[in-house]
Amino acid sequence: MTAIAPKPFRLEDYEISPETGFLPAHSPAEVQLPDIFWQVQKTASLLPKLMATRKIRSFLATILKVDVERATLTQMQLRQAMQVYSYLTHAYVWGEATPAQILPSNIAVPFYTIAQKLGRPPILSYASYALDNWIKIYETEPIEIGNIMLWQNFLGGLDEDWFILIHIDIEAKAASALAAIPIILQGIAQNNTNIVMGGLENINQAWININTTMKRMPEACDPYIYYNRVRPYIHGWKNNPALPEGLIYEGVAAYGEKPQQFRGSTGAQSSIVPTMDALFNIVHENDPLREFLIELRDYMPPQHSAFIQEVEKRSTLRHFVRTRMEKLPKLRDLYNDCVSQIEQFRTQHLKFAAAYINQQTAKSNNNTNIGTGGTPFMEYLKKHRNENSQHLLV
């Protein structure tokens, strides 16, 4: 029998672009929703003004309940609608002095329906907070700070914008690293070390660029402002002492009026680092911290999560390098350079977490020891960084 050739591994099959990475090629923020969404869209655009009243819930409780099933929505329209309802939900829950325990049905039901269609939980996740939350200033120029603006805010202001724009810039700079993955895997299959080394050089340069952007966070995002005016609105309701039971989604039949627990938006929901772990065969010890990383994939766009799984299944990069590095030390050095760059990223993240959260003065509903994803983040970040460094080849 003739062997069946393996299916080509293409980024496009996983909603990934060689030019923009996990970011969409064009921002969903600019997509026009059907007229039945006019009120929720307008309300979302006014959130920074409405939040200042400290009476956001009474206003949100009056908006029309959209029958999502009446509308035929494209994938990009669904992502835009998901972002709108994510922001309205978090504004309702966290927008007043004490958190709400029940999300009214006029928001809960359409939000749930949209989330189901996208295969993600009904909560603000990184995809809506960063991946879909930008517009270009000049269409022909790159997606990077200086040419992108934030589309949706809670309170607004430079610090909130800058915090998210840094993440968007990082996502764009990761595109060339993602584009190198099918090439490296092909090089391994063909036993072609030159192809693999070329791919590793591209990944290393991408991480140099990513880490350069990461270090720019303090330029326009102050730790005090972040902690007090940005972070409070992106918390979730899983492992959160402020909402120990979770949140009731009123009118959502599938939940039966029982509280639901979902994790809030966190950079750990970005697909970049998990993809790199998969490619470089960086393994995290099988414990609750690793289970948390796996759980976060449920909050990613499903195709991005599927991509990580496929890279995990296909990549034998570490073995390929290990079995050839004695004769070709440059191959080992390139592998280690990439792993070291990822470790630098994790180390910088840990430093920022300490300065922007852990060292701030704890406030009600804003725990300095629990991350927005509902974890003891300092412990997690240290562990993941240390496990990363253990994978250098010597």
Protein backbone atom coordinates (compact mmCIF):
# COMPACT_ATOMS: atom_id res chain seq x y z
CA MET A 1 0.00 0.00 0.00
CA THR A 2 1.11 3.53 -0.76
CA ALA A 3 1.86 5.56 2.36
CA ILE A 4 -0.36 8.59 2.86
CA ALA A 5 1.69 11.77 2.98
CA PRO A 6 1.20 13.77 6.19
CA LYS A 7 -1.04 16.80 5.90
CA PRO A 8 0.97 19.99 5.29
CA PHE A 9 1.37 22.05 8.45
CA ARG A 10 0.14 25.53 7.55
CA LEU A 11 -0.37 28.50 9.83
CA GLU A 12 -3.46 29.57 7.89
CA ASP A 13 -5.29 26.42 8.97
CA TYR A 14 -5.09 27.69 12.57
CA GLU A 15 -6.12 31.32 12.04
CA ILE A 16 -2.48 32.40 12.24
CA SER A 17 -0.75 34.77 9.83
CA PRO A 18 2.99 34.83 8.96
CA GLU A 19 2.70 38.63 9.01
CA THR A 20 0.56 39.24 12.10
CA GLY A 21 0.88 36.00 14.09
CA PHE A 22 -2.01 35.34 16.46
CA LEU A 23 -3.39 38.79 15.73
CA PRO A 24 -6.04 38.98 13.01
CA ALA A 25 -4.77 40.49 9.76
CA HIS A 26 -7.36 43.24 10.16
CA SER A 27 -8.78 44.41 13.45
CA PRO A 28 -12.25 43.11 14.38
CA ALA A 29 -12.70 46.41 16.22
CA GLU A 30 -13.47 48.12 12.91
CA VAL A 31 -16.08 45.54 11.88
CA GLN A 32 -19.64 46.83 11.69
CA LEU A 33 -22.20 44.82 13.65
CA PRO A 34 -25.85 44.49 12.55
CA ASP A 35 -28.22 47.24 13.67
CA ILE A 36 -29.67 45.16 16.52
CA PHE A 37 -26.36 45.71 18.34
CA TRP A 38 -26.43 49.51 18.02
CA GLN A 39 -27.22 50.16 21.68
CA VAL A 40 -24.65 47.79 23.17
CA GLN A 41 -21.96 49.12 20.82
CA LYS A 42 -22.76 52.71 21.72
CA THR A 43 -22.77 51.86 25.42
CA ALA A 44 -19.39 50.16 25.16
CA SER A 45 -17.94 53.21 23.41
CA LEU A 46 -19.18 55.39 26.31
CA LEU A 47 -17.85 53.16 29.09
CA PRO A 48 -15.08 55.54 30.23
CA LYS A 49 -17.72 58.25 30.78
CA LEU A 50 -20.33 55.95 32.28
CA MET A 51 -17.84 54.31 34.66
CA ALA A 52 -17.05 57.72 36.14
CA THR A 53 -20.63 58.01 37.42
CA ARG A 54 -20.11 55.05 39.79
CA LYS A 55 -23.68 54.04 38.87
CA ILE A 56 -22.87 51.91 35.85
CA ARG A 57 -25.13 49.01 36.80
CA SER A 58 -28.41 50.90 36.73
CA PHE A 59 -27.57 52.07 33.22
CA LEU A 60 -26.43 48.69 31.91
CA ALA A 61 -29.53 47.02 33.32
CA THR A 62 -31.67 49.06 30.92
CA ILE A 63 -30.01 48.21 27.61
CA LEU A 64 -31.93 46.07 25.16
CA LYS A 65 -31.51 42.30 25.24
CA VAL A 66 -30.22 41.32 21.79
CA ASP A 67 -31.50 38.10 20.23
CA VAL A 68 -28.18 36.97 18.79
CA GLU A 69 -29.77 34.06 16.93
CA ARG A 70 -31.63 36.59 14.74
CA ALA A 71 -28.35 37.83 13.31
CA THR A 72 -26.09 36.11 10.81
CA LEU A 73 -22.63 37.00 12.04
CA THR A 74 -19.26 36.44 10.44
CA GLN A 75 -16.33 35.22 12.54
CA MET A 76 -14.96 38.76 12.78
CA GLN A 77 -18.36 40.13 13.80
CA LEU A 78 -18.60 37.48 16.50
CA ARG A 79 -15.21 38.55 17.84
CA GLN A 80 -16.30 42.18 17.85
CA ALA A 81 -19.55 41.29 19.63
CA MET A 82 -17.59 39.15 22.11
CA GLN A 83 -15.41 42.11 22.97
CA VAL A 84 -18.37 44.44 23.46
CA TYR A 85 -20.16 42.07 25.85
CA SER A 86 -16.91 41.20 27.65
CA TYR A 87 -16.35 44.85 28.52
CA LEU A 88 -19.98 45.44 29.49
CA THR A 89 -19.89 42.38 31.73
CA HIS A 90 -16.73 43.40 33.57
CA ALA A 91 -17.97 46.97 33.88
CA TYR A 92 -21.14 45.64 35.48
CA VAL A 93 -19.35 43.26 37.86
CA TRP A 94 -16.44 45.49 38.94
CA GLY A 95 -17.68 49.00 38.17
CA GLU A 96 -19.01 49.85 41.63
CA ALA A 97 -17.70 49.64 45.20
CA THR A 98 -18.69 45.99 45.72
CA PRO A 99 -18.74 43.32 42.98
CA ALA A 100 -22.03 42.18 41.50
CA GLN A 101 -22.95 38.54 42.10
CA ILE A 102 -25.57 38.33 39.35
CA LEU A 103 -25.17 39.40 35.72
CA PRO A 104 -28.58 40.47 34.37
CA SER A 105 -30.05 38.46 31.53
CA ASN A 106 -29.99 41.34 29.02
CA ILE A 107 -26.20 41.01 29.07
CA ALA A 108 -25.73 37.42 30.22
CA VAL A 109 -27.84 35.65 27.58
CA PRO A 110 -26.41 37.26 24.43
CA PHE A 111 -22.91 37.10 25.89
CA TYR A 112 -23.26 33.37 26.53
CA THR A 113 -24.63 32.75 23.02
CA ILE A 114 -21.78 34.63 21.36
CA ALA A 115 -19.16 32.91 23.52
CA GLN A 116 -20.58 29.50 22.64
CA LYS A 117 -20.30 30.28 18.95
CA LEU A 118 -16.65 31.22 19.42
CA GLY A 119 -15.84 28.26 21.65
CA ARG A 120 -14.70 30.42 24.58
CA PRO A 121 -16.08 31.10 28.08
CA PRO A 122 -18.30 34.17 28.59
CA ILE A 123 -15.72 36.37 30.29
CA LEU A 124 -13.16 38.97 29.22
CA SER A 125 -10.16 36.95 28.07
CA TYR A 126 -6.86 38.02 26.53
CA ALA A 127 -8.22 37.53 23.02
CA SER A 128 -10.81 40.28 23.46
CA TYR A 129 -8.61 42.42 25.71
CA ALA A 130 -5.58 42.50 23.39
CA LEU A 131 -5.74 40.44 20.18
CA ASP A 132 -8.93 42.11 18.92
CA ASN A 133 -8.56 45.51 20.59
CA TRP A 134 -6.62 47.69 18.17
CA ILE A 135 -6.82 49.73 15.01
CA LYS A 136 -4.02 50.89 12.73
CA ILE A 137 -3.34 54.58 12.16
CA TYR A 138 -1.70 54.05 8.77
CA GLU A 139 -2.83 50.89 7.02
CA THR A 140 0.41 50.35 5.09
CA GLU A 141 2.62 50.54 8.21
CA PRO A 142 3.27 47.73 10.73
CA ILE A 143 1.22 46.77 13.76
CA GLU A 144 3.42 48.34 16.42
CA ILE A 145 3.45 51.10 19.00
CA GLY A 146 3.30 54.39 17.14
CA ASN A 147 0.94 53.02 14.50
CA ILE A 148 -1.80 51.42 16.60
CA MET A 149 -4.50 52.79 18.86
CA LEU A 150 -6.58 50.99 21.44
CA TRP A 151 -10.22 50.55 20.48
CA GLN A 152 -11.98 49.80 23.77
CA ASN A 153 -11.29 51.01 27.33
CA PHE A 154 -12.77 50.77 30.79
CA LEU A 155 -11.60 54.12 32.17
CA GLY A 156 -9.26 55.27 29.43
CA GLY A 157 -5.99 57.14 29.78
CA LEU A 158 -2.40 56.63 28.69
CA ASP A 159 -1.56 53.91 31.24
CA GLU A 160 -4.48 51.65 30.29
CA ASP A 161 -3.78 52.12 26.58
CA TRP A 162 -0.05 51.55 26.90
CA PHE A 163 -0.43 48.40 28.99
CA ILE A 164 -2.52 46.74 26.29
CA LEU A 165 -0.63 48.22 23.32
CA ILE A 166 2.61 46.66 24.61
CA HIS A 167 0.92 43.25 24.47
CA ILE A 168 -0.38 43.89 20.95
CA ASP A 169 3.08 44.96 19.77
CA ILE A 170 4.56 41.79 21.28
CA GLU A 171 1.99 39.66 19.48
CA ALA A 172 2.91 41.29 16.17
CA LYS A 173 6.63 40.79 16.74
CA ALA A 174 6.04 37.10 17.46
CA ALA A 175 4.71 36.55 13.93
CA SER A 176 8.12 35.80 12.40
CA ALA A 177 8.81 33.24 15.14
CA LEU A 178 5.53 31.48 14.39
CA ALA A 179 6.25 31.58 10.66
CA ALA A 180 9.52 29.72 11.32
CA ILE A 181 7.83 26.77 13.03
CA PRO A 182 6.58 24.86 9.94
CA ILE A 183 9.98 25.46 8.32
CA ILE A 184 11.85 24.03 11.33
CA LEU A 185 9.57 21.02 11.51
CA GLN A 186 10.09 20.41 7.80
CA GLY A 187 13.86 20.72 8.29
CA ILE A 188 13.73 18.11 11.06
CA ALA A 189 11.71 15.74 8.86
CA GLN A 190 14.26 16.16 6.05
CA ASN A 191 17.24 15.91 8.44
CA ASN A 192 18.37 19.30 7.13
CA THR A 193 20.30 21.14 9.85
CA ASN A 194 20.72 24.28 7.70
CA ILE A 195 16.96 24.73 7.45
CA VAL A 196 16.56 24.20 11.19
CA MET A 197 19.32 26.66 12.02
CA GLY A 198 17.83 29.28 9.71
CA GLY A 199 14.50 28.92 11.47
CA LEU A 200 16.12 29.18 14.89
CA GLU A 201 17.93 32.36 13.86
CA ASN A 202 14.58 33.89 12.89
CA ILE A 203 13.02 32.86 16.21
CA ASN A 204 15.95 34.24 18.19
CA GLN A 205 15.69 37.61 16.42
CA ALA A 206 11.93 37.69 17.01
CA TRP A 207 12.50 37.17 20.74
CA ILE A 208 15.12 39.90 20.84
CA ASN A 209 12.47 42.22 19.38
CA ILE A 210 9.80 40.94 21.78
CA ASN A 211 11.99 41.49 24.81
CA THR A 212 12.88 44.98 23.62
CA THR A 213 9.18 45.85 23.46
CA MET A 214 8.48 44.20 26.80
CA LYS A 215 11.05 46.42 28.54
CA ARG A 216 9.17 49.50 27.32
CA MET A 217 6.22 48.88 29.65
CA PRO A 218 7.34 51.46 32.29
CA GLU A 219 7.63 54.24 29.68
CA ALA A 220 3.93 55.05 29.90
CA CYS A 221 2.32 52.61 32.33
CA ASP A 222 2.91 53.54 35.96
CA PRO A 223 2.68 50.69 38.54
CA TYR A 224 0.36 52.66 40.84
CA ILE A 225 -1.98 53.64 38.02
CA TYR A 226 -1.99 50.10 36.62
CA TYR A 227 -2.80 48.54 39.96
CA ASN A 228 -5.53 51.01 40.91
CA ARG A 229 -7.14 51.98 37.59
CA VAL A 230 -6.40 49.21 35.09
CA ARG A 231 -6.14 45.91 36.93
CA PRO A 232 -9.38 46.05 38.98
CA TYR A 233 -11.58 45.58 35.91
CA ILE A 234 -9.91 42.51 34.38
CA HIS A 235 -10.30 40.14 37.33
CA GLY A 236 -12.31 36.97 36.84
CA TRP A 237 -14.50 34.99 39.20
CA LYS A 238 -12.56 31.81 39.77
CA ASN A 239 -10.38 31.47 42.87
CA ASN A 240 -11.23 35.09 43.58
CA PRO A 241 -11.91 35.92 47.26
CA ALA A 242 -14.09 38.86 46.17
CA LEU A 243 -16.49 36.44 44.41
CA PRO A 244 -15.85 33.12 46.14
CA GLU A 245 -18.89 31.40 44.63
CA GLY A 246 -18.49 32.88 41.16
CA LEU A 247 -21.01 34.81 39.06
CA ILE A 248 -24.63 33.94 38.25
CA TYR A 249 -25.50 34.43 34.57
CA GLU A 250 -29.19 35.25 34.87
CA GLY A 251 -31.41 33.60 32.28
CA VAL A 252 -28.75 31.29 30.82
CA ALA A 253 -30.53 27.94 30.84
CA ALA A 254 -27.32 25.90 30.55
CA TYR A 255 -26.11 27.30 33.87
CA GLY A 256 -29.38 26.80 35.74
CA GLU A 257 -28.99 30.04 37.76
CA LYS A 258 -25.96 28.55 39.50
CA PRO A 259 -22.75 30.58 39.95
CA GLN A 260 -20.10 30.01 37.32
CA GLN A 261 -16.36 30.34 37.86
CA PHE A 262 -14.15 31.61 35.05
CA ARG A 263 -10.64 33.02 35.09
CA GLY A 264 -10.00 36.66 34.22
CA SER A 265 -7.83 38.06 31.48
CA THR A 266 -4.13 37.36 31.90
CA GLY A 267 -1.11 37.48 29.63
CA ALA A 268 -0.75 33.76 30.33
CA GLN A 269 -3.70 33.33 27.93
CA SER A 270 -1.46 34.50 25.09
CA SER A 271 -0.53 31.59 22.83
CA ILE A 272 3.04 32.75 22.18
CA VAL A 273 4.91 31.23 25.12
CA PRO A 274 2.95 27.93 25.18
CA THR A 275 3.75 27.54 21.48
CA MET A 276 7.44 28.11 22.15
CA ASP A 277 7.36 25.62 25.03
CA ALA A 278 5.82 23.13 22.61
CA LEU A 279 8.41 23.74 19.88
CA PHE A 280 11.47 23.65 22.15
CA ASN A 281 10.04 20.74 24.19
CA ILE A 282 10.15 22.77 27.40
CA VAL A 283 8.26 20.59 29.86
CA HIS A 284 6.67 21.85 33.06
CA GLU A 285 6.39 19.49 36.00
CA ASN A 286 3.04 17.71 36.17
CA ASP A 287 1.49 19.51 39.13
CA PRO A 288 -1.33 22.03 39.74
CA LEU A 289 0.71 24.79 38.10
CA ARG A 290 0.96 22.81 34.87
CA GLU A 291 -2.75 22.03 35.05
CA PHE A 292 -3.37 25.77 35.23
CA LEU A 293 -1.41 26.35 32.02
CA ILE A 294 -3.42 23.65 30.26
CA GLU A 295 -6.69 25.09 31.57
CA LEU A 296 -5.84 28.52 30.16
CA ARG A 297 -6.00 27.07 26.65
CA ASP A 298 -9.79 26.97 27.06
CA TYR A 299 -9.71 30.78 27.02
CA MET A 300 -7.73 31.04 23.79
CA PRO A 301 -9.36 31.06 20.35
CA PRO A 302 -9.86 27.30 19.75
CA GLN A 303 -7.72 27.26 16.62
CA HIS A 304 -4.79 28.77 18.49
CA SER A 305 -5.10 26.15 21.19
CA ALA A 306 -5.24 23.45 18.50
CA PHE A 307 -2.04 24.88 16.99
CA ILE A 308 -0.19 24.52 20.30
CA GLN A 309 -1.34 20.92 20.56
CA GLU A 310 -0.22 20.19 17.01
CA VAL A 311 3.24 21.66 17.62
CA GLU A 312 3.51 19.57 20.80
CA LYS A 313 2.64 16.47 18.79
CA ARG A 314 5.00 17.18 15.91
CA SER A 315 8.07 18.78 17.46
CA THR A 316 11.16 16.71 18.21
CA LEU A 317 13.42 19.75 18.08
CA ARG A 318 15.19 19.15 21.38
CA HIS A 319 16.09 15.56 20.43
CA PHE A 320 17.15 16.70 16.95
CA VAL A 321 19.56 19.25 18.43
CA ARG A 322 20.81 16.98 21.22
CA THR A 323 21.78 14.19 18.83
CA ARG A 324 23.70 16.54 16.51
CA MET A 325 25.16 19.19 18.78
CA GLU A 326 28.48 17.44 19.38
CA LYS A 327 29.34 17.66 15.71
CA LEU A 328 27.51 20.95 15.20
CA PRO A 329 27.84 23.16 18.31
CA LYS A 330 26.29 26.12 16.46
CA LEU A 331 22.99 24.23 16.34
CA ARG A 332 23.08 23.82 20.12
CA ASP A 333 24.02 27.47 20.60
CA LEU A 334 21.07 28.64 18.50
CA TYR A 335 18.71 26.39 20.43
CA ASN A 336 20.08 27.71 23.74
CA ASP A 337 19.92 31.32 22.53
CA CYS A 338 16.21 30.94 21.85
CA VAL A 339 15.53 29.21 25.17
CA SER A 340 17.50 31.95 26.96
CA GLN A 341 15.47 34.66 25.25
CA ILE A 342 12.24 33.00 26.40
CA GLU A 343 13.69 32.81 29.91
CA GLN A 344 14.54 36.53 29.76
CA PHE A 345 10.93 37.23 28.85
CA ARG A 346 9.71 35.21 31.82
CA THR A 347 12.19 36.93 34.13
CA GLN A 348 11.08 40.39 32.97
CA HIS A 349 7.44 39.36 33.43
CA LEU A 350 8.25 38.28 36.97
CA LYS A 351 9.91 41.63 37.72
CA PHE A 352 6.95 43.56 36.40
CA ALA A 353 4.51 41.39 38.35
CA ALA A 354 6.42 42.23 41.52
CA ALA A 355 6.52 45.98 40.83
CA TYR A 356 3.05 46.43 39.35
CA ILE A 357 1.10 44.12 41.68
CA ASN A 358 2.90 42.35 44.49
CA GLN A 359 4.56 45.49 45.90
CA GLN A 360 1.41 47.63 45.73
CA THR A 361 -0.86 48.26 48.70
CA ALA A 362 -3.60 45.64 48.75
CA LYS A 363 -7.10 46.95 48.11
CA SER A 364 -10.54 45.41 48.38
CA ASN A 365 -11.32 43.32 45.26
CA ASN A 366 -7.68 43.70 44.13
CA ASN A 367 -5.55 41.12 45.91
CA THR A 368 -1.77 41.58 45.58
CA ASN A 369 -1.14 37.84 45.91
CA ILE A 370 -3.77 36.52 43.49
CA GLY A 371 -3.45 37.17 39.76
CA THR A 372 -6.29 38.23 37.48
CA GLY A 373 -6.35 34.61 36.36
CA GLY A 374 -6.99 33.53 39.96
CA THR A 375 -3.58 32.08 40.83
CA PRO A 376 -0.68 32.78 43.23
CA PHE A 377 1.08 34.37 40.27
CA MET A 378 4.49 35.09 41.83
CA GLU A 379 4.93 31.41 42.69
CA TYR A 380 3.77 30.36 39.24
CA LEU A 381 5.98 32.80 37.35
CA LYS A 382 9.08 31.82 39.32
CA LYS A 383 8.43 28.13 38.75
CA HIS A 384 7.85 28.50 35.02
CA ARG A 385 10.97 30.65 34.65
CA ASN A 386 13.10 28.13 36.55
CA GLU A 387 11.78 25.19 34.53
CA ASN A 388 12.57 27.14 31.38
CA SER A 389 16.24 27.58 32.37
CA GLN A 390 16.57 23.87 33.09
CA HIS A 391 16.13 23.10 29.39
CA LEU A 392 19.39 24.61 28.18
CA LEU A 393 21.53 22.00 26.42
CA VAL A 394 25.12 21.62 27.63
